[in-house]
Amino acid sequence: MAGDHNHHENPNASTLQAAVQEIRCLEAQMATIEVEKVQEREKAKKAAQEEEDEGIVDSQPLA
């Protein structure tokens, strides 16, 4: 009986290890996506600011 019990623990341990590895992989993917989102927001904010700055320059009266 004890031999059977030990035999059944190994597949569970490897399954658990695989699940933990998959979770870590998914966490890394989520972190990458979050970084990309921040970069996209900063890029959009910069583009909007540049458009706004161009609008201000265009609206200045000519001397």
PDB file of N, CA and C in Angstrom:
ATOM      1  N   MET A   1       0.812  -1.189   0.000  1.00  0.00           N
ATOM      2  CA  MET A   1       0.000   0.000   0.000  1.00  0.00           C
ATOM      3  C   MET A   1       0.858   1.256   0.000  1.00  0.00           C
ATOM      4  N   ALA A   2       1.895   1.236   0.824  1.00  0.00           N
ATOM      5  CA  ALA A   2       2.739   2.427   0.890  1.00  0.00           C
ATOM      6  C   ALA A   2       3.408   2.672  -0.455  1.00  0.00           C
ATOM      7  N   GLY A   3       3.793   1.606  -1.134  1.00  0.00           N
ATOM      8  CA  GLY A   3       4.402   1.751  -2.448  1.00  0.00           C
ATOM      9  C   GLY A   3       3.430   2.363  -3.441  1.00  0.00           C
ATOM     10  N   ASP A   4       2.174   1.963  -3.375  1.00  0.00           N
ATOM     11  CA  ASP A   4       1.160   2.526  -4.267  1.00  0.00           C
ATOM     12  C   ASP A   4       0.959   4.009  -3.990  1.00  0.00           C
ATOM     13  N   HIS A   5       0.963   4.371  -2.729  1.00  0.00           N
ATOM     14  CA  HIS A   5       0.750   5.777  -2.356  1.00  0.00           C
ATOM     15  C   HIS A   5       1.876   6.655  -2.905  1.00  0.00           C
ATOM     16  N   ASN A   6       3.107   6.204  -2.749  1.00  0.00           N
ATOM     17  CA  ASN A   6       4.240   6.961  -3.277  1.00  0.00           C
ATOM     18  C   ASN A   6       4.181   7.036  -4.803  1.00  0.00           C
ATOM     19  N   HIS A   7       3.735   5.970  -5.422  1.00  0.00           N
ATOM     20  CA  HIS A   7       3.631   5.948  -6.882  1.00  0.00           C
ATOM     21  C   HIS A   7       2.646   7.016  -7.371  1.00  0.00           C
ATOM     22  N   HIS A   8       1.579   7.244  -6.641  1.00  0.00           N
ATOM     23  CA  HIS A   8       0.567   8.221  -7.053  1.00  0.00           C
ATOM     24  C   HIS A   8       0.985   9.654  -6.761  1.00  0.00           C
ATOM     25  N   GLU A   9       1.912   9.878  -5.867  1.00  0.00           N
ATOM     26  CA  GLU A   9       2.346  11.241  -5.550  1.00  0.00           C
ATOM     27  C   GLU A   9       3.185  11.843  -6.680  1.00  0.00           C
ATOM     28  N   ASN A  10       4.001  11.047  -7.339  1.00  0.00           N
ATOM     29  CA  ASN A  10       4.869  11.576  -8.387  1.00  0.00           C
ATOM     30  C   ASN A  10       4.097  12.220  -9.536  1.00  0.00           C
ATOM     31  N   PRO A  11       3.073  11.591 -10.080  1.00  0.00           N
ATOM     32  CA  PRO A  11       2.325  12.263 -11.151  1.00  0.00           C
ATOM     33  C   PRO A  11       1.683  13.565 -10.664  1.00  0.00           C
ATOM     34  N   ASN A  12       1.194  13.570  -9.443  1.00  0.00           N
ATOM     35  CA  ASN A  12       0.600  14.790  -8.903  1.00  0.00           C
ATOM     36  C   ASN A  12       1.646  15.880  -8.741  1.00  0.00           C
ATOM     37  N   ALA A  13       2.829  15.495  -8.283  1.00  0.00           N
ATOM     38  CA  ALA A  13       3.898  16.476  -8.096  1.00  0.00           C
ATOM     39  C   ALA A  13       4.323  17.056  -9.437  1.00  0.00           C
ATOM     40  N   SER A  14       4.446  16.218 -10.453  1.00  0.00           N
ATOM     41  CA  SER A  14       4.846  16.736 -11.763  1.00  0.00           C
ATOM     42  C   SER A  14       3.730  17.579 -12.367  1.00  0.00           C
ATOM     43  N   THR A  15       2.478  17.202 -12.118  1.00  0.00           N
ATOM     44  CA  THR A  15       1.352  18.000 -12.601  1.00  0.00           C
ATOM     45  C   THR A  15       1.343  19.353 -11.903  1.00  0.00           C
ATOM     46  N   LEU A  16       1.588  19.350 -10.614  1.00  0.00           N
ATOM     47  CA  LEU A  16       1.644  20.601  -9.859  1.00  0.00           C
ATOM     48  C   LEU A  16       2.794  21.469 -10.351  1.00  0.00           C
ATOM     49  N   GLN A  17       3.937  20.856 -10.578  1.00  0.00           N
ATOM     50  CA  GLN A  17       5.100  21.599 -11.072  1.00  0.00           C
ATOM     51  C   GLN A  17       4.800  22.199 -12.445  1.00  0.00           C
ATOM     52  N   ALA A  18       4.148  21.443 -13.306  1.00  0.00           N
ATOM     53  CA  ALA A  18       3.786  21.951 -14.633  1.00  0.00           C
ATOM     54  C   ALA A  18       2.804  23.112 -14.507  1.00  0.00           C
ATOM     55  N   ALA A  19       1.866  23.003 -13.582  1.00  0.00           N
ATOM     56  CA  ALA A  19       0.893  24.080 -13.374  1.00  0.00           C
ATOM     57  C   ALA A  19       1.583  25.342 -12.870  1.00  0.00           C
ATOM     58  N   VAL A  20       2.513  25.187 -11.950  1.00  0.00           N
ATOM     59  CA  VAL A  20       3.253  26.336 -11.425  1.00  0.00           C
ATOM     60  C   VAL A  20       4.064  26.986 -12.541  1.00  0.00           C
ATOM     61  N   GLN A  21       4.692  26.186 -13.371  1.00  0.00           N
ATOM     62  CA  GLN A  21       5.460  26.729 -14.497  1.00  0.00           C
ATOM     63  C   GLN A  21       4.549  27.480 -15.463  1.00  0.00           C
ATOM     64  N   GLU A  22       3.375  26.939 -15.722  1.00  0.00           N
ATOM     65  CA  GLU A  22       2.423  27.594 -16.620  1.00  0.00           C
ATOM     66  C   GLU A  22       1.952  28.917 -16.019  1.00  0.00           C
ATOM     67  N   ILE A  23       1.696  28.929 -14.720  1.00  0.00           N
ATOM     68  CA  ILE A  23       1.286  30.166 -14.043  1.00  0.00           C
ATOM     69  C   ILE A  23       2.384  31.211 -14.158  1.00  0.00           C
ATOM     70  N   ARG A  24       3.620  30.817 -13.925  1.00  0.00           N
ATOM     71  CA  ARG A  24       4.746  31.766 -14.035  1.00  0.00           C
ATOM     72  C   ARG A  24       4.871  32.303 -15.456  1.00  0.00           C
ATOM     73  N   CYS A  25       4.674  31.428 -16.432  1.00  0.00           N
ATOM     74  CA  CYS A  25       4.735  31.850 -17.834  1.00  0.00           C
ATOM     75  C   CYS A  25       3.625  32.860 -18.125  1.00  0.00           C
ATOM     76  N   LEU A  26       2.425  32.579 -17.657  1.00  0.00           N
ATOM     77  CA  LEU A  26       1.302  33.494 -17.866  1.00  0.00           C
ATOM     78  C   LEU A  26       1.523  34.818 -17.143  1.00  0.00           C
ATOM     79  N   GLU A  27       2.093  34.765 -15.944  1.00  0.00           N
ATOM     80  CA  GLU A  27       2.398  36.000 -15.217  1.00  0.00           C
ATOM     81  C   GLU A  27       3.405  36.847 -15.991  1.00  0.00           C
ATOM     82  N   ALA A  28       4.395  36.209 -16.569  1.00  0.00           N
ATOM     83  CA  ALA A  28       5.388  36.938 -17.364  1.00  0.00           C
ATOM     84  C   ALA A  28       4.732  37.555 -18.594  1.00  0.00           C
ATOM     85  N   GLN A  29       3.834  36.818 -19.231  1.00  0.00           N
ATOM     86  CA  GLN A  29       3.122  37.351 -20.391  1.00  0.00           C
ATOM     87  C   GLN A  29       2.265  38.549 -19.990  1.00  0.00           C
ATOM     88  N   MET A  30       1.594  38.453 -18.845  1.00  0.00           N
ATOM     89  CA  MET A  30       0.769  39.562 -18.366  1.00  0.00           C
ATOM     90  C   MET A  30       1.626  40.788 -18.077  1.00  0.00           C
ATOM     91  N   ALA A  31       2.783  40.585 -17.483  1.00  0.00           N
ATOM     92  CA  ALA A  31       3.683  41.701 -17.191  1.00  0.00           C
ATOM     93  C   ALA A  31       4.136  42.369 -18.483  1.00  0.00           C
ATOM     94  N   THR A  32       4.435  41.575 -19.488  1.00  0.00           N
ATOM     95  CA  THR A  32       4.840  42.121 -20.789  1.00  0.00           C
ATOM     96  C   THR A  32       3.710  42.934 -21.399  1.00  0.00           C
ATOM     97  N   ILE A  33       2.497  42.418 -21.326  1.00  0.00           N
ATOM     98  CA  ILE A  33       1.336  43.130 -21.869  1.00  0.00           C
ATOM     99  C   ILE A  33       1.131  44.446 -21.130  1.00  0.00           C
ATOM    100  N   GLU A  34       1.276  44.434 -19.810  1.00  0.00           N
ATOM    101  CA  GLU A  34       1.115  45.665 -19.032  1.00  0.00           C
ATOM    102  C   GLU A  34       2.153  46.711 -19.436  1.00  0.00           C
ATOM    103  N   VAL A  35       3.395  46.283 -19.632  1.00  0.00           N
ATOM    104  CA  VAL A  35       4.451  47.206 -20.061  1.00  0.00           C
ATOM    105  C   VAL A  35       4.102  47.783 -21.430  1.00  0.00           C
ATOM    106  N   GLU A  36       3.627  46.931 -22.330  1.00  0.00           N
ATOM    107  CA  GLU A  36       3.247  47.403 -23.664  1.00  0.00           C
ATOM    108  C   GLU A  36       2.104  48.406 -23.587  1.00  0.00           C
ATOM    109  N   LYS A  37       1.134  48.159 -22.707  1.00  0.00           N
ATOM    110  CA  LYS A  37       0.012  49.091 -22.542  1.00  0.00           C
ATOM    111  C   LYS A  37       0.504  50.448 -22.061  1.00  0.00           C
ATOM    112  N   VAL A  38       1.412  50.445 -21.094  1.00  0.00           N
ATOM    113  CA  VAL A  38       1.964  51.698 -20.577  1.00  0.00           C
ATOM    114  C   VAL A  38       2.694  52.436 -21.692  1.00  0.00           C
ATOM    115  N   GLN A  39       3.484  51.711 -22.468  1.00  0.00           N
ATOM    116  CA  GLN A  39       4.216  52.335 -23.574  1.00  0.00           C
ATOM    117  C   GLN A  39       3.255  52.914 -24.608  1.00  0.00           C
ATOM    118  N   GLU A  40       2.176  52.194 -24.907  1.00  0.00           N
ATOM    119  CA  GLU A  40       1.189  52.688 -25.870  1.00  0.00           C
ATOM    120  C   GLU A  40       0.506  53.948 -25.343  1.00  0.00           C
ATOM    121  N   ARG A  41       0.165  53.951 -24.048  1.00  0.00           N
ATOM    122  CA  ARG A  41      -0.465  55.138 -23.456  1.00  0.00           C
ATOM    123  C   ARG A  41       0.471  56.336 -23.521  1.00  0.00           C
ATOM    124  N   GLU A  42       1.742  56.116 -23.193  1.00  0.00           N
ATOM    125  CA  GLU A  42       2.714  57.208 -23.234  1.00  0.00           C
ATOM    126  C   GLU A  42       2.888  57.723 -24.660  1.00  0.00           C
ATOM    127  N   LYS A  43       2.914  56.809 -25.627  1.00  0.00           N
ATOM    128  CA  LYS A  43       3.053  57.198 -27.027  1.00  0.00           C
ATOM    129  C   LYS A  43       1.832  58.002 -27.477  1.00  0.00           C
ATOM    130  N   ALA A  44       0.639  57.558 -27.105  1.00  0.00           N
ATOM    131  CA  ALA A  44      -0.589  58.266 -27.472  1.00  0.00           C
ATOM    132  C   ALA A  44      -0.640  59.633 -26.801  1.00  0.00           C
ATOM    133  N   LYS A  45      -0.216  59.682 -25.547  1.00  0.00           N
ATOM    134  CA  LYS A  45      -0.205  60.954 -24.823  1.00  0.00           C
ATOM    135  C   LYS A  45       0.770  61.930 -25.483  1.00  0.00           C
ATOM    136  N   LYS A  46       1.938  61.424 -25.866  1.00  0.00           N
ATOM    137  CA  LYS A  46       2.938  62.266 -26.525  1.00  0.00           C
ATOM    138  C   LYS A  46       2.409  62.763 -27.870  1.00  0.00           C
ATOM    139  N   ALA A  47       1.769  61.876 -28.632  1.00  0.00           N
ATOM    140  CA  ALA A  47       1.215  62.258 -29.932  1.00  0.00           C
ATOM    141  C   ALA A  47       0.122  63.307 -29.758  1.00  0.00           C
ATOM    142  N   ALA A  48      -0.726  63.135 -28.753  1.00  0.00           N
ATOM    143  CA  ALA A  48      -1.788  64.106 -28.497  1.00  0.00           C
ATOM    144  C   ALA A  48      -1.190  65.447 -28.094  1.00  0.00           C
ATOM    145  N   GLN A  49      -0.143  65.417 -27.285  1.00  0.00           N
ATOM    146  CA  GLN A  49       0.516  66.658 -26.861  1.00  0.00           C
ATOM    147  C   GLN A  49       1.151  67.359 -28.059  1.00  0.00           C
ATOM    148  N   GLU A  50       1.776  66.587 -28.948  1.00  0.00           N
ATOM    149  CA  GLU A  50       2.389  67.173 -30.145  1.00  0.00           C
ATOM    150  C   GLU A  50       1.327  67.793 -31.049  1.00  0.00           C
ATOM    151  N   GLU A  51       0.185  67.119 -31.188  1.00  0.00           N
ATOM    152  CA  GLU A  51      -0.912  67.672 -31.988  1.00  0.00           C
ATOM    153  C   GLU A  51      -1.405  68.974 -31.376  1.00  0.00           C
ATOM    154  N   GLU A  52      -1.537  68.966 -30.057  1.00  0.00           N
ATOM    155  CA  GLU A  52      -2.000  70.167 -29.357  1.00  0.00           C
ATOM    156  C   GLU A  52      -1.000  71.300 -29.541  1.00  0.00           C
ATOM    157  N   ASP A  53       0.284  70.989 -29.432  1.00  0.00           N
ATOM    158  CA  ASP A  53       1.323  72.004 -29.614  1.00  0.00           C
ATOM    159  C   ASP A  53       1.295  72.559 -31.038  1.00  0.00           C
ATOM    160  N   GLU A  54       1.092  71.690 -32.032  1.00  0.00           N
ATOM    161  CA  GLU A  54       1.007  72.140 -33.418  1.00  0.00           C
ATOM    162  C   GLU A  54      -0.209  73.036 -33.616  1.00  0.00           C
ATOM    163  N   GLY A  55      -1.306  72.706 -32.956  1.00  0.00           N
ATOM    164  CA  GLY A  55      -2.514  73.518 -33.047  1.00  0.00           C
ATOM    165  C   GLY A  55      -2.295  74.902 -32.481  1.00  0.00           C
ATOM    166  N   ILE A  56      -1.538  74.992 -31.407  1.00  0.00           N
ATOM    167  CA  ILE A  56      -1.239  76.289 -30.802  1.00  0.00           C
ATOM    168  C   ILE A  56      -0.374  77.106 -31.748  1.00  0.00           C
ATOM    169  N   VAL A  57       0.617  76.496 -32.356  1.00  0.00           N
ATOM    170  CA  VAL A  57       1.494  77.196 -33.296  1.00  0.00           C
ATOM    171  C   VAL A  57       0.682  77.668 -34.494  1.00  0.00           C
ATOM    172  N   ASP A  58      -0.198  76.826 -35.016  1.00  0.00           N
ATOM    173  CA  ASP A  58      -1.009  77.184 -36.181  1.00  0.00           C
ATOM    174  C   ASP A  58      -1.970  78.325 -35.884  1.00  0.00           C
ATOM    175  N   SER A  59      -2.408  78.448 -34.648  1.00  0.00           N
ATOM    176  CA  SER A  59      -3.394  79.473 -34.333  1.00  0.00           C
ATOM    177  C   SER A  59      -2.761  80.813 -33.960  1.00  0.00           C
ATOM    178  N   GLN A  60      -1.448  80.886 -33.913  1.00  0.00           N
ATOM    179  CA  GLN A  60      -0.781  82.148 -33.600  1.00  0.00           C
ATOM    180  C   GLN A  60      -0.938  83.113 -34.775  1.00  0.00           C
ATOM    181  N   PRO A  61      -1.260  84.373 -34.496  1.00  0.00           N
ATOM    182  CA  PRO A  61      -1.382  85.345 -35.592  1.00  0.00           C
ATOM    183  C   PRO A  61      -0.024  85.606 -36.232  1.00  0.00           C
ATOM    184  N   LEU A  62      -0.038  85.830 -37.522  1.00  0.00           N
ATOM    185  CA  LEU A  62       1.197  86.134 -38.230  1.00  0.00           C
ATOM    186  C   LEU A  62       1.566  87.589 -37.990  1.00  0.00           C
ATOM    187  N   ALA A  63       2.817  87.863 -37.738  1.00  0.00           N
ATOM    188  CA  ALA A  63       3.258  89.228 -37.433  1.00  0.00           C
ATOM    189  C   ALA A  63       3.536  90.017 -38.680  1.00  0.00           C
TER     190      ALA A  63
END
